Amino acid sequence: MKKEKYAQIIKSQAKLLGFDFCGISEAGFLEDEAPRLENWLNQHYHGQMAYLANHFDKRLDPTKLVEGAKTVVSLMYNYYPQDQLPEGKEDLKLAKYAYGKDYHFVIKDKLKLLLKKLQEEIGDFGGRVFVDSAPVMERQWAQKSGLGWLGKNSLLLNRKMGSFFFLAEMIIDLEVSPDPPMAKDYCGTCTKCLDACPTDAIVQAGVVDGSRCISYLTIELKEAIPEEFKGKMENWVFGCDICQDVCPWNRFSKPHQEDEFLPHPELKNFGERDWEEMTKETFGKVFQKSALKRTKYEGLMRNVRFLKKE
């Protein structure tokens, strides 16, 4: 009974903090994922993201990340915007997750608060919180906890609200009643995401060649963008939403209620010239607490120049 009560408390507190979905699974080795991950790395689909090849065992086994781990709590936080930034033919485009304040800060603060509140209500237990910041296979754990299934674009899809979510985890040494995994794939015969990807990054259903993905090219790649992608970037200057925008399940997306994710006022009227003539000072002001800090000013301007050459 205690394990069931813990599950209720965790889900109730998560909801109070604004998380849209919360699922629970038993911590353990992700046996089915080991050969898939190994094959993906062997194909060099991670490109220059060398960190994805590190900590192979930890990536598959949360008990190696958190001593005595018994439970993985998966959480989803909506970031779908009420008003999208201009996406006309000449407009440079940002992935929706990057409109406002960097999600790492926003979600991490909420996770820390959630853990604190749970320890106050349940009693002393240990654990760590993660938001895209450690070798955790977050999509696989979310699927295992029943929050969705992995679509052909490899993203987690939820039947109620699509895929415009941040995923986060708490790995704790408390035994909690797990949820049943999502066993069914609701993509069916749909191939819209595969057909829409302009760089052919989705090499087969559920497998993405990260080194061809526009998000990788505009964010993770530190050198010049290869010429083969000229004319294929569709004006994405940071990240890309194409495979999500065309996904039929995202017709169920609902606007988020998080003020921290609202775009900087100046960004709403950013035109082609603003991007091209952006100074370091403007970058620092408009993107002060943004995920765009990851590319730095120089990286963003490299993207702008590449797009303008197309």
Protein backbone atom coordinates (compact mmCIF):
# COMPACT_ATOMS: atom_id res chain seq x y z
CA MET A 1 0.00 0.00 0.00
CA LYS A 2 2.86 2.34 0.79
CA LYS A 3 4.24 2.04 -2.75
CA GLU A 4 0.85 2.97 -4.23
CA LYS A 5 0.47 5.90 -1.87
CA TYR A 6 3.93 7.18 -2.82
CA ALA A 7 2.93 7.08 -6.49
CA GLN A 8 -0.19 9.16 -5.76
CA ILE A 9 1.80 11.72 -3.76
CA ILE A 10 4.48 12.06 -6.48
CA LYS A 11 1.91 12.55 -9.24
CA SER A 12 -0.12 15.00 -7.20
CA GLN A 13 2.90 17.16 -6.32
CA ALA A 14 4.17 17.04 -9.91
CA LYS A 15 0.83 18.33 -11.15
CA LEU A 16 0.85 21.18 -8.62
CA LEU A 17 4.24 22.28 -10.00
CA GLY A 18 2.92 22.41 -13.55
CA PHE A 19 4.13 19.11 -14.99
CA ASP A 20 1.57 17.85 -17.50
CA PHE A 21 2.29 14.14 -17.18
CA CYS A 22 4.09 11.96 -14.67
CA GLY A 23 4.90 8.26 -15.06
CA ILE A 24 6.76 5.84 -12.84
CA SER A 25 8.93 2.85 -13.69
CA GLU A 26 11.17 0.45 -11.83
CA ALA A 27 14.86 1.31 -12.13
CA GLY A 28 16.96 -1.31 -13.87
CA PHE A 29 19.06 -2.15 -16.90
CA LEU A 30 17.43 -1.22 -20.24
CA GLU A 31 18.26 -4.54 -21.87
CA ASP A 32 16.38 -3.95 -25.15
CA GLU A 33 18.07 -0.59 -25.68
CA ALA A 34 21.68 -1.79 -25.36
CA PRO A 35 22.03 -3.27 -28.90
CA ARG A 36 20.09 -0.35 -30.45
CA LEU A 37 22.32 2.24 -28.81
CA GLU A 38 25.46 0.32 -29.73
CA ASN A 39 24.38 0.03 -33.36
CA TRP A 40 23.43 3.74 -33.53
CA LEU A 41 26.86 4.73 -32.21
CA ASN A 42 28.65 2.30 -34.54
CA GLN A 43 26.91 4.00 -37.49
CA HIS A 44 28.35 7.32 -36.24
CA TYR A 45 24.88 8.83 -36.19
CA HIS A 46 25.95 10.92 -33.19
CA GLY A 47 28.29 12.98 -35.39
CA GLN A 48 30.57 15.15 -33.24
CA MET A 49 28.46 14.62 -30.12
CA ALA A 50 31.19 12.50 -28.52
CA TYR A 51 29.49 12.74 -25.13
CA LEU A 52 26.76 10.39 -26.39
CA ALA A 53 29.33 7.61 -26.68
CA ASN A 54 30.51 8.17 -23.10
CA HIS A 55 29.13 6.40 -20.03
CA PHE A 56 27.52 3.61 -22.06
CA ASP A 57 26.69 1.55 -18.94
CA LYS A 58 25.33 4.52 -16.99
CA ARG A 59 23.15 5.49 -19.96
CA LEU A 60 21.46 2.10 -19.82
CA ASP A 61 21.37 1.57 -16.06
CA PRO A 62 20.20 4.32 -13.67
CA THR A 63 21.44 2.35 -10.65
CA LYS A 64 24.94 3.30 -11.83
CA LEU A 65 23.96 6.98 -11.73
CA VAL A 66 22.19 6.95 -8.37
CA GLU A 67 23.33 4.52 -5.73
CA GLY A 68 20.53 2.24 -4.58
CA ALA A 69 18.12 3.57 -7.23
CA LYS A 70 14.79 1.77 -7.25
CA THR A 71 12.51 4.09 -9.21
CA VAL A 72 12.63 6.37 -12.24
CA VAL A 73 10.01 9.13 -12.24
CA SER A 74 9.47 10.54 -15.74
CA LEU A 75 7.94 13.99 -16.16
CA MET A 76 6.70 16.01 -19.13
CA TYR A 77 6.47 19.80 -19.26
CA ASN A 78 4.67 21.48 -22.15
CA TYR A 79 6.39 24.21 -24.18
CA TYR A 80 4.00 24.61 -27.13
CA PRO A 81 3.58 28.39 -27.66
CA GLN A 82 0.29 30.27 -27.86
CA ASP A 83 1.75 32.57 -30.52
CA GLN A 84 4.47 31.37 -32.85
CA LEU A 85 7.22 33.63 -34.09
CA PRO A 86 6.94 34.61 -37.78
CA GLU A 87 7.75 31.73 -40.14
CA GLY A 88 7.30 33.33 -43.55
CA LYS A 89 9.43 32.51 -46.57
CA GLU A 90 12.14 35.03 -45.67
CA ASP A 91 11.96 34.69 -41.88
CA LEU A 92 14.73 32.89 -40.02
CA LYS A 93 13.23 30.34 -37.66
CA LEU A 94 13.87 29.21 -34.10
CA ALA A 95 12.77 25.88 -32.66
CA LYS A 96 9.82 26.54 -30.35
CA TYR A 97 11.61 25.22 -27.30
CA ALA A 98 14.11 28.08 -27.61
CA TYR A 99 11.62 30.97 -27.61
CA GLY A 100 12.02 31.86 -23.96
CA LYS A 101 14.28 31.18 -21.01
CA ASP A 102 16.56 28.14 -21.21
CA TYR A 103 14.48 25.14 -20.16
CA HIS A 104 17.41 23.63 -18.23
CA PHE A 105 17.09 26.36 -15.60
CA VAL A 106 13.29 26.46 -15.50
CA ILE A 107 12.73 22.70 -15.24
CA LYS A 108 15.71 22.02 -12.96
CA ASP A 109 14.35 24.51 -10.41
CA LYS A 110 10.96 22.80 -10.49
CA LEU A 111 12.54 19.36 -10.12
CA LYS A 112 14.57 20.42 -7.09
CA LEU A 113 11.44 21.87 -5.51
CA LEU A 114 9.50 18.70 -6.31
CA LEU A 115 12.15 16.51 -4.67
CA LYS A 116 12.19 18.76 -1.59
CA LYS A 117 8.38 18.69 -1.24
CA LEU A 118 8.30 14.91 -1.63
CA GLN A 119 10.98 14.45 1.02
CA GLU A 120 8.95 16.67 3.37
CA GLU A 121 5.75 14.70 2.75
CA ILE A 122 7.09 11.14 2.47
CA GLY A 123 10.17 11.29 4.66
CA ASP A 124 13.88 11.04 4.02
CA PHE A 125 14.92 9.32 0.80
CA GLY A 126 17.75 9.90 -1.67
CA GLY A 127 17.77 10.74 -5.32
CA ARG A 128 18.88 13.02 -8.12
CA VAL A 129 17.03 15.09 -10.71
CA PHE A 130 17.88 15.33 -14.40
CA VAL A 131 16.81 17.44 -17.33
CA ASP A 132 18.79 16.62 -20.46
CA SER A 133 21.95 16.95 -18.39
CA ALA A 134 23.25 13.42 -17.77
CA PRO A 135 23.43 10.06 -19.54
CA VAL A 136 19.75 9.20 -19.04
CA MET A 137 17.68 7.68 -21.87
CA GLU A 138 14.75 9.93 -21.11
CA ARG A 139 12.48 8.96 -24.01
CA GLN A 140 12.86 5.26 -23.27
CA TRP A 141 12.09 5.77 -19.59
CA ALA A 142 9.06 7.91 -20.44
CA GLN A 143 7.77 5.14 -22.71
CA LYS A 144 8.44 2.53 -20.03
CA SER A 145 6.37 4.57 -17.59
CA GLY A 146 3.42 4.75 -19.99
CA LEU A 147 3.68 8.41 -21.03
CA GLY A 148 3.85 7.73 -24.76
CA TRP A 149 5.55 5.81 -27.52
CA LEU A 150 8.59 6.54 -29.68
CA GLY A 151 7.50 7.91 -33.04
CA LYS A 152 9.18 7.41 -36.39
CA ASN A 153 11.08 10.66 -35.75
CA SER A 154 12.41 8.98 -32.54
CA LEU A 155 10.62 11.54 -30.31
CA LEU A 156 8.20 10.59 -27.56
CA LEU A 157 4.59 11.03 -28.67
CA ASN A 158 1.70 11.43 -26.27
CA ARG A 159 -1.85 10.72 -27.44
CA LYS A 160 -3.33 13.66 -25.53
CA MET A 161 -0.88 16.43 -26.41
CA GLY A 162 1.65 15.35 -29.04
CA SER A 163 5.39 15.89 -28.65
CA PHE A 164 6.14 19.53 -27.77
CA PHE A 165 7.37 18.65 -24.28
CA PHE A 166 10.51 18.77 -22.22
CA LEU A 167 11.30 15.47 -20.57
CA ALA A 168 12.82 15.28 -17.10
CA GLU A 169 13.54 12.58 -14.54
CA MET A 170 13.92 11.92 -10.85
CA ILE A 171 15.90 8.80 -10.04
CA ILE A 172 15.23 7.89 -6.42
CA ASP A 173 16.04 5.13 -3.95
CA LEU A 174 12.39 4.87 -2.88
CA GLU A 175 10.27 1.92 -3.98
CA VAL A 176 7.15 3.19 -5.77
CA SER A 177 4.37 1.39 -7.66
CA PRO A 178 5.28 1.48 -11.37
CA ASP A 179 2.93 2.32 -14.23
CA PRO A 180 2.44 -0.10 -17.14
CA PRO A 181 4.60 0.73 -20.17
CA MET A 182 3.18 2.08 -23.42
CA ALA A 183 3.24 -1.08 -25.53
CA LYS A 184 1.40 0.19 -28.61
CA ASP A 185 2.77 2.31 -31.43
CA TYR A 186 0.09 4.73 -32.65
CA CYS A 187 1.99 6.02 -35.70
CA GLY A 188 0.55 3.28 -37.88
CA THR A 189 1.47 3.65 -41.55
CA CYS A 190 2.01 7.43 -41.34
CA THR A 191 5.38 8.58 -42.75
CA LYS A 192 4.86 12.36 -42.68
CA CYS A 193 7.96 13.04 -40.58
CA LEU A 194 10.20 10.91 -42.81
CA ASP A 195 8.81 12.52 -45.95
CA ALA A 196 9.13 16.08 -44.63
CA CYS A 197 12.74 16.01 -43.37
CA PRO A 198 14.69 18.09 -45.93
CA THR A 199 18.10 16.62 -45.00
CA ASP A 200 16.94 12.97 -44.92
CA ALA A 201 18.02 12.69 -41.29
CA ILE A 202 15.36 10.08 -40.45
CA VAL A 203 17.04 7.08 -42.07
CA GLN A 204 14.33 4.61 -41.06
CA ALA A 205 11.37 4.53 -38.70
CA GLY A 206 12.64 5.45 -35.25
CA VAL A 207 16.27 5.96 -36.32
CA VAL A 208 17.70 9.46 -36.79
CA ASP A 209 21.13 10.15 -38.23
CA GLY A 210 21.92 12.97 -35.83
CA SER A 211 24.77 14.22 -38.00
CA ARG A 212 22.25 15.14 -40.75
CA CYS A 213 19.64 16.70 -38.46
CA ILE A 214 19.15 20.47 -38.79
CA SER A 215 19.16 20.78 -34.99
CA TYR A 216 22.60 19.18 -34.89
CA LEU A 217 23.93 21.27 -37.78
CA THR A 218 22.78 24.56 -36.21
CA ILE A 219 23.63 23.80 -32.57
CA GLU A 220 25.98 20.89 -31.93
CA LEU A 221 28.27 21.12 -34.98
CA LYS A 222 31.14 23.44 -34.11
CA GLU A 223 32.76 23.71 -37.53
CA ALA A 224 31.43 24.95 -40.89
CA ILE A 225 28.10 23.51 -42.01
CA PRO A 226 28.84 21.12 -44.94
CA GLU A 227 27.99 22.51 -48.37
CA GLU A 228 25.79 19.47 -49.12
CA PHE A 229 23.12 21.01 -46.87
CA LYS A 230 22.94 24.25 -48.82
CA GLY A 231 19.35 24.91 -49.86
CA LYS A 232 18.02 22.23 -47.49
CA MET A 233 17.90 24.07 -44.16
CA GLU A 234 14.54 25.79 -44.75
CA ASN A 235 15.69 28.90 -42.86
CA TRP A 236 16.12 27.19 -39.45
CA VAL A 237 18.74 29.24 -37.67
CA PHE A 238 18.60 27.37 -34.33
CA GLY A 239 17.09 23.92 -34.01
CA CYS A 240 14.25 22.59 -36.16
CA ASP A 241 10.59 21.63 -35.65
CA ILE A 242 9.76 20.19 -39.08
CA CYS A 243 9.19 16.56 -38.00
CA GLN A 244 7.03 17.76 -35.11
CA ASP A 245 5.08 20.36 -37.08
CA VAL A 246 3.95 17.76 -39.64
CA CYS A 247 3.09 15.09 -37.05
CA PRO A 248 -0.70 14.54 -36.91
CA TRP A 249 -0.53 13.93 -33.15
CA ASN A 250 0.55 17.54 -32.62
CA ARG A 251 -2.89 18.75 -33.64
CA PHE A 252 -3.65 17.99 -29.98
CA SER A 253 -0.94 20.38 -28.72
CA LYS A 254 -2.20 22.95 -26.24
CA PRO A 255 -0.50 26.28 -25.42
CA HIS A 256 1.78 26.21 -22.38
CA GLN A 257 1.10 28.31 -19.29
CA GLU A 258 4.73 29.10 -18.45
CA ASP A 259 5.66 32.80 -18.51
CA GLU A 260 9.37 31.89 -18.52
CA PHE A 261 8.93 30.38 -22.00
CA LEU A 262 7.53 33.55 -23.58
CA PRO A 263 9.88 35.10 -26.17
CA HIS A 264 11.82 38.29 -25.49
CA PRO A 265 9.63 41.21 -26.70
CA GLU A 266 12.23 42.26 -29.30
CA LEU A 267 12.26 38.78 -30.80
CA LYS A 268 8.64 39.06 -31.92
CA ASN A 269 9.56 41.63 -34.55
CA PHE A 270 12.93 40.23 -35.57
CA GLY A 271 13.26 40.47 -39.33
CA GLU A 272 15.86 39.24 -41.80
CA ARG A 273 17.93 42.39 -41.38
CA ASP A 274 17.89 42.13 -37.57
CA TRP A 275 19.44 38.68 -37.78
CA GLU A 276 22.05 39.70 -40.36
CA GLU A 277 23.10 42.87 -38.53
CA MET A 278 22.89 41.50 -35.00
CA THR A 279 25.71 42.69 -32.74
CA LYS A 280 27.21 40.81 -29.82
CA GLU A 281 25.50 43.34 -27.55
CA THR A 282 22.06 42.65 -29.05
CA PHE A 283 22.66 38.90 -28.84
CA GLY A 284 23.55 39.25 -25.16
CA LYS A 285 20.43 41.30 -24.44
CA VAL A 286 17.81 39.35 -26.42
CA PHE A 287 19.18 35.89 -25.66
CA GLN A 288 20.56 36.57 -22.18
CA LYS A 289 18.96 33.52 -20.55
CA SER A 290 18.10 31.63 -23.71
CA ALA A 291 19.09 28.18 -24.97
CA LEU A 292 20.69 30.07 -27.90
CA LYS A 293 23.63 30.76 -25.59
CA ARG A 294 24.70 27.20 -26.48
CA THR A 295 25.77 28.26 -30.00
CA LYS A 296 27.29 31.49 -28.72
CA TYR A 297 27.13 34.64 -30.87
CA GLU A 298 29.72 33.34 -33.35
CA GLY A 299 27.88 30.07 -33.91
CA LEU A 300 24.55 31.77 -34.47
CA MET A 301 26.04 34.21 -36.97
CA ARG A 302 27.68 31.29 -38.80
CA ASN A 303 24.15 29.84 -39.20
CA VAL A 304 22.74 33.16 -40.40
CA ARG A 305 25.50 33.53 -43.00
CA PHE A 306 25.02 29.96 -44.23
CA LEU A 307 21.28 30.48 -44.67
CA LYS A 308 21.74 33.78 -46.43
CA LYS A 309 24.13 32.13 -48.91
CA GLU A 310 21.51 29.53 -49.88
